[in-house]
Amino acid sequence: MQPLRGIALKLCAVMLFIIMLSLVKAVSADVPAGQSVFFRSFFAIPVIVVWLLLRGNYLSACACARGWGIFGAALLAP
């Protein structure tokens, strides 16, 4: 176990969330909420993909029981 590494990673994560929330709040008067959420998610995708690739879980994380049906469900959702 490496408790100091865990503490350091937790502090980094909290700092990044604080920075992200501060930036969102700073632009909230000029940028619509939907656009803000879209770009926050858009820039998170590469980070998540790299993390999954480094862990070796990419294929299992992308697998779903319904196959292509998940896209149909997303398109038909209200």
PDB file of N, CA and C in Angstrom:
ATOM      1  N   MET A   1       0.833  -1.189   0.000  1.00  0.00           N
ATOM      2  CA  MET A   1       0.000   0.000   0.000  1.00  0.00           C
ATOM      3  C   MET A   1       0.873   1.246   0.000  1.00  0.00           C
ATOM      4  N   GLN A   2       0.390   2.246  -0.691  1.00  0.00           N
ATOM      5  CA  GLN A   2       1.109   3.511  -0.778  1.00  0.00           C
ATOM      6  C   GLN A   2       0.179   4.654  -0.384  1.00  0.00           C
ATOM      7  N   PRO A   3       0.033   4.887   0.917  1.00  0.00           N
ATOM      8  CA  PRO A   3      -0.930   5.920   1.343  1.00  0.00           C
ATOM      9  C   PRO A   3      -0.552   7.327   0.897  1.00  0.00           C
ATOM     10  N   LEU A   4       0.728   7.633   0.828  1.00  0.00           N
ATOM     11  CA  LEU A   4       1.129   8.978   0.400  1.00  0.00           C
ATOM     12  C   LEU A   4       0.784   9.217  -1.065  1.00  0.00           C
ATOM     13  N   ARG A   5       0.930   8.188  -1.881  1.00  0.00           N
ATOM     14  CA  ARG A   5       0.562   8.312  -3.296  1.00  0.00           C
ATOM     15  C   ARG A   5      -0.947   8.526  -3.420  1.00  0.00           C
ATOM     16  N   GLY A   6      -1.721   7.797  -2.642  1.00  0.00           N
ATOM     17  CA  GLY A   6      -3.171   7.959  -2.656  1.00  0.00           C
ATOM     18  C   GLY A   6      -3.594   9.348  -2.229  1.00  0.00           C
ATOM     19  N   ILE A   7      -2.948   9.859  -1.196  1.00  0.00           N
ATOM     20  CA  ILE A   7      -3.261  11.208  -0.716  1.00  0.00           C
ATOM     21  C   ILE A   7      -2.911  12.246  -1.783  1.00  0.00           C
ATOM     22  N   ALA A   8      -1.751  12.079  -2.415  1.00  0.00           N
ATOM     23  CA  ALA A   8      -1.332  13.021  -3.455  1.00  0.00           C
ATOM     24  C   ALA A   8      -2.293  12.990  -4.643  1.00  0.00           C
ATOM     25  N   LEU A   9      -2.706  11.803  -5.053  1.00  0.00           N
ATOM     26  CA  LEU A   9      -3.648  11.698  -6.169  1.00  0.00           C
ATOM     27  C   LEU A   9      -4.995  12.307  -5.809  1.00  0.00           C
ATOM     28  N   LYS A  10      -5.452  12.096  -4.595  1.00  0.00           N
ATOM     29  CA  LYS A  10      -6.723  12.678  -4.146  1.00  0.00           C
ATOM     30  C   LYS A  10      -6.641  14.198  -4.149  1.00  0.00           C
ATOM     31  N   LEU A  11      -5.538  14.754  -3.656  1.00  0.00           N
ATOM     32  CA  LEU A  11      -5.371  16.206  -3.648  1.00  0.00           C
ATOM     33  C   LEU A  11      -5.332  16.770  -5.067  1.00  0.00           C
ATOM     34  N   CYS A  12      -4.661  16.065  -5.968  1.00  0.00           N
ATOM     35  CA  CYS A  12      -4.622  16.506  -7.374  1.00  0.00           C
ATOM     36  C   CYS A  12      -6.022  16.479  -7.985  1.00  0.00           C
ATOM     37  N   ALA A  13      -6.774  15.427  -7.713  1.00  0.00           N
ATOM     38  CA  ALA A  13      -8.126  15.324  -8.241  1.00  0.00           C
ATOM     39  C   ALA A  13      -9.015  16.447  -7.717  1.00  0.00           C
ATOM     40  N   VAL A  14      -8.918  16.741  -6.435  1.00  0.00           N
ATOM     41  CA  VAL A  14      -9.725  17.811  -5.849  1.00  0.00           C
ATOM     42  C   VAL A  14      -9.338  19.155  -6.453  1.00  0.00           C
ATOM     43  N   MET A  15      -8.065  19.393  -6.631  1.00  0.00           N
ATOM     44  CA  MET A  15      -7.609  20.654  -7.228  1.00  0.00           C
ATOM     45  C   MET A  15      -8.115  20.792  -8.662  1.00  0.00           C
ATOM     46  N   LEU A  16      -8.075  19.701  -9.429  1.00  0.00           N
ATOM     47  CA  LEU A  16      -8.568  19.759 -10.808  1.00  0.00           C
ATOM     48  C   LEU A  16     -10.066  20.027 -10.846  1.00  0.00           C
ATOM     49  N   PHE A  17     -10.822  19.422  -9.932  1.00  0.00           N
ATOM     50  CA  PHE A  17     -12.258  19.694  -9.869  1.00  0.00           C
ATOM     51  C   PHE A  17     -12.522  21.151  -9.491  1.00  0.00           C
ATOM     52  N   ILE A  18     -11.748  21.690  -8.570  1.00  0.00           N
ATOM     53  CA  ILE A  18     -11.911  23.091  -8.176  1.00  0.00           C
ATOM     54  C   ILE A  18     -11.635  24.010  -9.359  1.00  0.00           C
ATOM     55  N   ILE A  19     -10.576  23.710 -10.104  1.00  0.00           N
ATOM     56  CA  ILE A  19     -10.240  24.515 -11.284  1.00  0.00           C
ATOM     57  C   ILE A  19     -11.354  24.421 -12.320  1.00  0.00           C
ATOM     58  N   MET A  20     -11.847  23.195 -12.579  1.00  0.00           N
ATOM     59  CA  MET A  20     -12.907  23.007 -13.562  1.00  0.00           C
ATOM     60  C   MET A  20     -14.167  23.773 -13.155  1.00  0.00           C
ATOM     61  N   LEU A  21     -14.575  23.637 -11.897  1.00  0.00           N
ATOM     62  CA  LEU A  21     -15.778  24.326 -11.436  1.00  0.00           C
ATOM     63  C   LEU A  21     -15.610  25.839 -11.470  1.00  0.00           C
ATOM     64  N   SER A  22     -14.419  26.323 -11.174  1.00  0.00           N
ATOM     65  CA  SER A  22     -14.158  27.763 -11.236  1.00  0.00           C
ATOM     66  C   SER A  22     -14.264  28.273 -12.664  1.00  0.00           C
ATOM     67  N   LEU A  23     -13.720  27.510 -13.610  1.00  0.00           N
ATOM     68  CA  LEU A  23     -13.807  27.917 -15.014  1.00  0.00           C
ATOM     69  C   LEU A  23     -15.242  27.887 -15.514  1.00  0.00           C
ATOM     70  N   VAL A  24     -15.990  26.867 -15.130  1.00  0.00           N
ATOM     71  CA  VAL A  24     -17.399  26.781 -15.537  1.00  0.00           C
ATOM     72  C   VAL A  24     -18.172  27.966 -14.972  1.00  0.00           C
ATOM     73  N   LYS A  25     -17.933  28.284 -13.720  1.00  0.00           N
ATOM     74  CA  LYS A  25     -18.623  29.411 -13.096  1.00  0.00           C
ATOM     75  C   LYS A  25     -18.230  30.730 -13.757  1.00  0.00           C
ATOM     76  N   ALA A  26     -16.964  30.860 -14.142  1.00  0.00           N
ATOM     77  CA  ALA A  26     -16.488  32.098 -14.749  1.00  0.00           C
ATOM     78  C   ALA A  26     -17.130  32.352 -16.106  1.00  0.00           C
ATOM     79  N   VAL A  27     -17.413  31.297 -16.862  1.00  0.00           N
ATOM     80  CA  VAL A  27     -17.989  31.475 -18.195  1.00  0.00           C
ATOM     81  C   VAL A  27     -19.498  31.276 -18.222  1.00  0.00           C
ATOM     82  N   SER A  28     -20.109  30.988 -17.076  1.00  0.00           N
ATOM     83  CA  SER A  28     -21.535  30.666 -17.065  1.00  0.00           C
ATOM     84  C   SER A  28     -22.421  31.828 -17.522  1.00  0.00           C
ATOM     85  N   ALA A  29     -21.947  33.052 -17.386  1.00  0.00           N
ATOM     86  CA  ALA A  29     -22.745  34.193 -17.840  1.00  0.00           C
ATOM     87  C   ALA A  29     -22.739  34.320 -19.359  1.00  0.00           C
ATOM     88  N   ASP A  30     -21.691  33.827 -20.008  1.00  0.00           N
ATOM     89  CA  ASP A  30     -21.544  33.991 -21.453  1.00  0.00           C
ATOM     90  C   ASP A  30     -21.849  32.732 -22.254  1.00  0.00           C
ATOM     91  N   VAL A  31     -21.738  31.572 -21.636  1.00  0.00           N
ATOM     92  CA  VAL A  31     -21.884  30.301 -22.357  1.00  0.00           C
ATOM     93  C   VAL A  31     -23.125  29.574 -21.845  1.00  0.00           C
ATOM     94  N   PRO A  32     -23.973  29.073 -22.752  1.00  0.00           N
ATOM     95  CA  PRO A  32     -25.151  28.318 -22.316  1.00  0.00           C
ATOM     96  C   PRO A  32     -24.760  27.055 -21.553  1.00  0.00           C
ATOM     97  N   ALA A  33     -25.619  26.628 -20.634  1.00  0.00           N
ATOM     98  CA  ALA A  33     -25.313  25.480 -19.778  1.00  0.00           C
ATOM     99  C   ALA A  33     -25.091  24.210 -20.594  1.00  0.00           C
ATOM    100  N   GLY A  34     -25.895  23.983 -21.613  1.00  0.00           N
ATOM    101  CA  GLY A  34     -25.746  22.780 -22.441  1.00  0.00           C
ATOM    102  C   GLY A  34     -24.404  22.726 -23.134  1.00  0.00           C
ATOM    103  N   GLN A  35     -23.958  23.850 -23.627  1.00  0.00           N
ATOM    104  CA  GLN A  35     -22.660  23.912 -24.295  1.00  0.00           C
ATOM    105  C   GLN A  35     -21.535  23.670 -23.295  1.00  0.00           C
ATOM    106  N   SER A  36     -21.663  24.201 -22.122  1.00  0.00           N
ATOM    107  CA  SER A  36     -20.664  23.990 -21.080  1.00  0.00           C
ATOM    108  C   SER A  36     -20.555  22.509 -20.714  1.00  0.00           C
ATOM    109  N   VAL A  37     -21.701  21.851 -20.539  1.00  0.00           N
ATOM    110  CA  VAL A  37     -21.704  20.426 -20.206  1.00  0.00           C
ATOM    111  C   VAL A  37     -21.114  19.604 -21.350  1.00  0.00           C
ATOM    112  N   PHE A  38     -21.466  19.954 -22.589  1.00  0.00           N
ATOM    113  CA  PHE A  38     -20.937  19.233 -23.744  1.00  0.00           C
ATOM    114  C   PHE A  38     -19.413  19.293 -23.779  1.00  0.00           C
ATOM    115  N   PHE A  39     -18.846  20.481 -23.664  1.00  0.00           N
ATOM    116  CA  PHE A  39     -17.394  20.601 -23.771  1.00  0.00           C
ATOM    117  C   PHE A  39     -16.670  19.989 -22.578  1.00  0.00           C
ATOM    118  N   ARG A  40     -17.282  20.036 -21.406  1.00  0.00           N
ATOM    119  CA  ARG A  40     -16.676  19.371 -20.250  1.00  0.00           C
ATOM    120  C   ARG A  40     -16.588  17.869 -20.505  1.00  0.00           C
ATOM    121  N   SER A  41     -17.648  17.296 -21.039  1.00  0.00           N
ATOM    122  CA  SER A  41     -17.645  15.861 -21.348  1.00  0.00           C
ATOM    123  C   SER A  41     -16.722  15.556 -22.523  1.00  0.00           C
ATOM    124  N   PHE A  42     -16.728  16.432 -23.531  1.00  0.00           N
ATOM    125  CA  PHE A  42     -15.908  16.225 -24.719  1.00  0.00           C
ATOM    126  C   PHE A  42     -14.422  16.147 -24.374  1.00  0.00           C
ATOM    127  N   PHE A  43     -13.973  17.003 -23.467  1.00  0.00           N
ATOM    128  CA  PHE A  43     -12.565  16.990 -23.099  1.00  0.00           C
ATOM    129  C   PHE A  43     -12.237  15.911 -22.071  1.00  0.00           C
ATOM    130  N   ALA A  44     -13.245  15.329 -21.445  1.00  0.00           N
ATOM    131  CA  ALA A  44     -13.016  14.234 -20.502  1.00  0.00           C
ATOM    132  C   ALA A  44     -12.844  12.898 -21.220  1.00  0.00           C
ATOM    133  N   ILE A  45     -13.423  12.752 -22.400  1.00  0.00           N
ATOM    134  CA  ILE A  45     -13.371  11.475 -23.118  1.00  0.00           C
ATOM    135  C   ILE A  45     -11.941  11.020 -23.396  1.00  0.00           C
ATOM    136  N   PRO A  46     -11.049  11.860 -23.951  1.00  0.00           N
ATOM    137  CA  PRO A  46      -9.679  11.383 -24.198  1.00  0.00           C
ATOM    138  C   PRO A  46      -8.958  10.947 -22.920  1.00  0.00           C
ATOM    139  N   VAL A  47      -9.198  11.651 -21.833  1.00  0.00           N
ATOM    140  CA  VAL A  47      -8.553  11.291 -20.563  1.00  0.00           C
ATOM    141  C   VAL A  47      -9.027   9.906 -20.122  1.00  0.00           C
ATOM    142  N   ILE A  48     -10.318   9.658 -20.224  1.00  0.00           N
ATOM    143  CA  ILE A  48     -10.865   8.357 -19.822  1.00  0.00           C
ATOM    144  C   ILE A  48     -10.358   7.252 -20.723  1.00  0.00           C
ATOM    145  N   VAL A  49     -10.300   7.499 -22.034  1.00  0.00           N
ATOM    146  CA  VAL A  49      -9.811   6.480 -22.974  1.00  0.00           C
ATOM    147  C   VAL A  49      -8.359   6.136 -22.688  1.00  0.00           C
ATOM    148  N   VAL A  50      -7.517   7.136 -22.463  1.00  0.00           N
ATOM    149  CA  VAL A  50      -6.107   6.879 -22.153  1.00  0.00           C
ATOM    150  C   VAL A  50      -5.986   6.087 -20.862  1.00  0.00           C
ATOM    151  N   TRP A  51      -6.776   6.456 -19.848  1.00  0.00           N
ATOM    152  CA  TRP A  51      -6.745   5.745 -18.573  1.00  0.00           C
ATOM    153  C   TRP A  51      -7.145   4.283 -18.758  1.00  0.00           C
ATOM    154  N   LEU A  52      -8.189   4.022 -19.536  1.00  0.00           N
ATOM    155  CA  LEU A  52      -8.619   2.643 -19.784  1.00  0.00           C
ATOM    156  C   LEU A  52      -7.562   1.871 -20.571  1.00  0.00           C
ATOM    157  N   LEU A  53      -6.928   2.518 -21.543  1.00  0.00           N
ATOM    158  CA  LEU A  53      -5.878   1.851 -22.314  1.00  0.00           C
ATOM    159  C   LEU A  53      -4.687   1.494 -21.430  1.00  0.00           C
ATOM    160  N   LEU A  54      -4.298   2.395 -20.539  1.00  0.00           N
ATOM    161  CA  LEU A  54      -3.174   2.125 -19.649  1.00  0.00           C
ATOM    162  C   LEU A  54      -3.479   0.983 -18.684  1.00  0.00           C
ATOM    163  N   ARG A  55      -4.720   0.882 -18.255  1.00  0.00           N
ATOM    164  CA  ARG A  55      -5.128  -0.199 -17.357  1.00  0.00           C
ATOM    165  C   ARG A  55      -5.361  -1.509 -18.093  1.00  0.00           C
ATOM    166  N   GLY A  56      -5.546  -1.449 -19.409  1.00  0.00           N
ATOM    167  CA  GLY A  56      -5.819  -2.646 -20.193  1.00  0.00           C
ATOM    168  C   GLY A  56      -7.281  -3.072 -20.145  1.00  0.00           C
ATOM    169  N   ASN A  57      -8.182  -2.152 -19.770  1.00  0.00           N
ATOM    170  CA  ASN A  57      -9.608  -2.461 -19.638  1.00  0.00           C
ATOM    171  C   ASN A  57     -10.443  -1.878 -20.768  1.00  0.00           C
ATOM    172  N   TYR A  58      -9.850  -1.388 -21.804  1.00  0.00           N
ATOM    173  CA  TYR A  58     -10.610  -0.641 -22.807  1.00  0.00           C
ATOM    174  C   TYR A  58     -11.722  -1.469 -23.432  1.00  0.00           C
ATOM    175  N   LEU A  59     -11.396  -2.650 -23.916  1.00  0.00           N
ATOM    176  CA  LEU A  59     -12.403  -3.463 -24.600  1.00  0.00           C
ATOM    177  C   LEU A  59     -13.515  -3.915 -23.659  1.00  0.00           C
ATOM    178  N   SER A  60     -13.160  -4.315 -22.455  1.00  0.00           N
ATOM    179  CA  SER A  60     -14.195  -4.746 -21.519  1.00  0.00           C
ATOM    180  C   SER A  60     -15.049  -3.565 -21.052  1.00  0.00           C
ATOM    181  N   ALA A  61     -14.485  -2.379 -20.985  1.00  0.00           N
ATOM    182  CA  ALA A  61     -15.252  -1.203 -20.570  1.00  0.00           C
ATOM    183  C   ALA A  61     -16.219  -0.762 -21.663  1.00  0.00           C
ATOM    184  N   CYS A  62     -15.873  -1.029 -22.913  1.00  0.00           N
ATOM    185  CA  CYS A  62     -16.723  -0.617 -24.032  1.00  0.00           C
ATOM    186  C   CYS A  62     -17.749  -1.674 -24.414  1.00  0.00           C
ATOM    187  N   ALA A  63     -17.664  -2.841 -23.841  1.00  0.00           N
ATOM    188  CA  ALA A  63     -18.603  -3.913 -24.178  1.00  0.00           C
ATOM    189  C   ALA A  63     -19.963  -3.642 -23.549  1.00  0.00           C
ATOM    190  N   CYS A  64     -21.005  -4.012 -24.266  1.00  0.00           N
ATOM    191  CA  CYS A  64     -22.354  -3.904 -23.709  1.00  0.00           C
ATOM    192  C   CYS A  64     -23.163  -5.112 -24.173  1.00  0.00           C
ATOM    193  N   ALA A  65     -24.141  -5.476 -23.391  1.00  0.00           N
ATOM    194  CA  ALA A  65     -24.930  -6.682 -23.665  1.00  0.00           C
ATOM    195  C   ALA A  65     -25.846  -6.508 -24.863  1.00  0.00           C
ATOM    196  N   ARG A  66     -26.287  -5.298 -25.145  1.00  0.00           N
ATOM    197  CA  ARG A  66     -27.254  -5.068 -26.214  1.00  0.00           C
ATOM    198  C   ARG A  66     -26.608  -4.753 -27.553  1.00  0.00           C
ATOM    199  N   GLY A  67     -25.314  -4.684 -27.616  1.00  0.00           N
ATOM    200  CA  GLY A  67     -24.640  -4.400 -28.886  1.00  0.00           C
ATOM    201  C   GLY A  67     -25.012  -3.034 -29.422  1.00  0.00           C
ATOM    202  N   TRP A  68     -25.409  -2.980 -30.689  1.00  0.00           N
ATOM    203  CA  TRP A  68     -25.751  -1.711 -31.332  1.00  0.00           C
ATOM    204  C   TRP A  68     -27.076  -1.156 -30.832  1.00  0.00           C
ATOM    205  N   GLY A  69     -27.829  -1.932 -30.083  1.00  0.00           N
ATOM    206  CA  GLY A  69     -29.107  -1.468 -29.562  1.00  0.00           C
ATOM    207  C   GLY A  69     -28.970  -0.269 -28.641  1.00  0.00           C
ATOM    208  N   ILE A  70     -27.799  -0.093 -28.050  1.00  0.00           N
ATOM    209  CA  ILE A  70     -27.591   1.025 -27.138  1.00  0.00           C
ATOM    210  C   ILE A  70     -27.693   2.359 -27.878  1.00  0.00           C
ATOM    211  N   PHE A  71     -27.298   2.380 -29.161  1.00  0.00           N
ATOM    212  CA  PHE A  71     -27.405   3.616 -29.939  1.00  0.00           C
ATOM    213  C   PHE A  71     -28.860   3.936 -30.244  1.00  0.00           C
ATOM    214  N   GLY A  72     -29.646   2.907 -30.527  1.00  0.00           N
ATOM    215  CA  GLY A  72     -31.065   3.124 -30.761  1.00  0.00           C
ATOM    216  C   GLY A  72     -31.758   3.650 -29.529  1.00  0.00           C
ATOM    217  N   ALA A  73     -31.390   3.117 -28.375  1.00  0.00           N
ATOM    218  CA  ALA A  73     -31.984   3.585 -27.122  1.00  0.00           C
ATOM    219  C   ALA A  73     -31.604   5.034 -26.866  1.00  0.00           C
ATOM    220  N   ALA A  74     -30.388   5.407 -27.209  1.00  0.00           N
ATOM    221  CA  ALA A  74     -29.948   6.784 -27.009  1.00  0.00           C
ATOM    222  C   ALA A  74     -30.691   7.739 -27.944  1.00  0.00           C
ATOM    223  N   LEU A  75     -30.968   7.290 -29.162  1.00  0.00           N
ATOM    224  CA  LEU A  75     -31.658   8.152 -30.126  1.00  0.00           C
ATOM    225  C   LEU A  75     -33.139   8.294 -29.794  1.00  0.00           C
ATOM    226  N   LEU A  76     -33.729   7.265 -29.207  1.00  0.00           N
ATOM    227  CA  LEU A  76     -35.152   7.282 -28.906  1.00  0.00           C
ATOM    228  C   LEU A  76     -35.463   7.857 -27.530  1.00  0.00           C
ATOM    229  N   ALA A  77     -34.443   8.125 -26.745  1.00  0.00           N
ATOM    230  CA  ALA A  77     -34.664   8.661 -25.386  1.00  0.00           C
ATOM    231  C   ALA A  77     -35.270  10.060 -25.488  1.00  0.00           C
ATOM    232  N   PRO A  78     -36.178  10.389 -24.571  1.00  0.00           N
ATOM    233  CA  PRO A  78     -36.823  11.730 -24.637  1.00  0.00           C
ATOM    234  C   PRO A  78     -35.870  12.838 -24.268  1.00  0.00           C
TER     235      PRO A  78
END
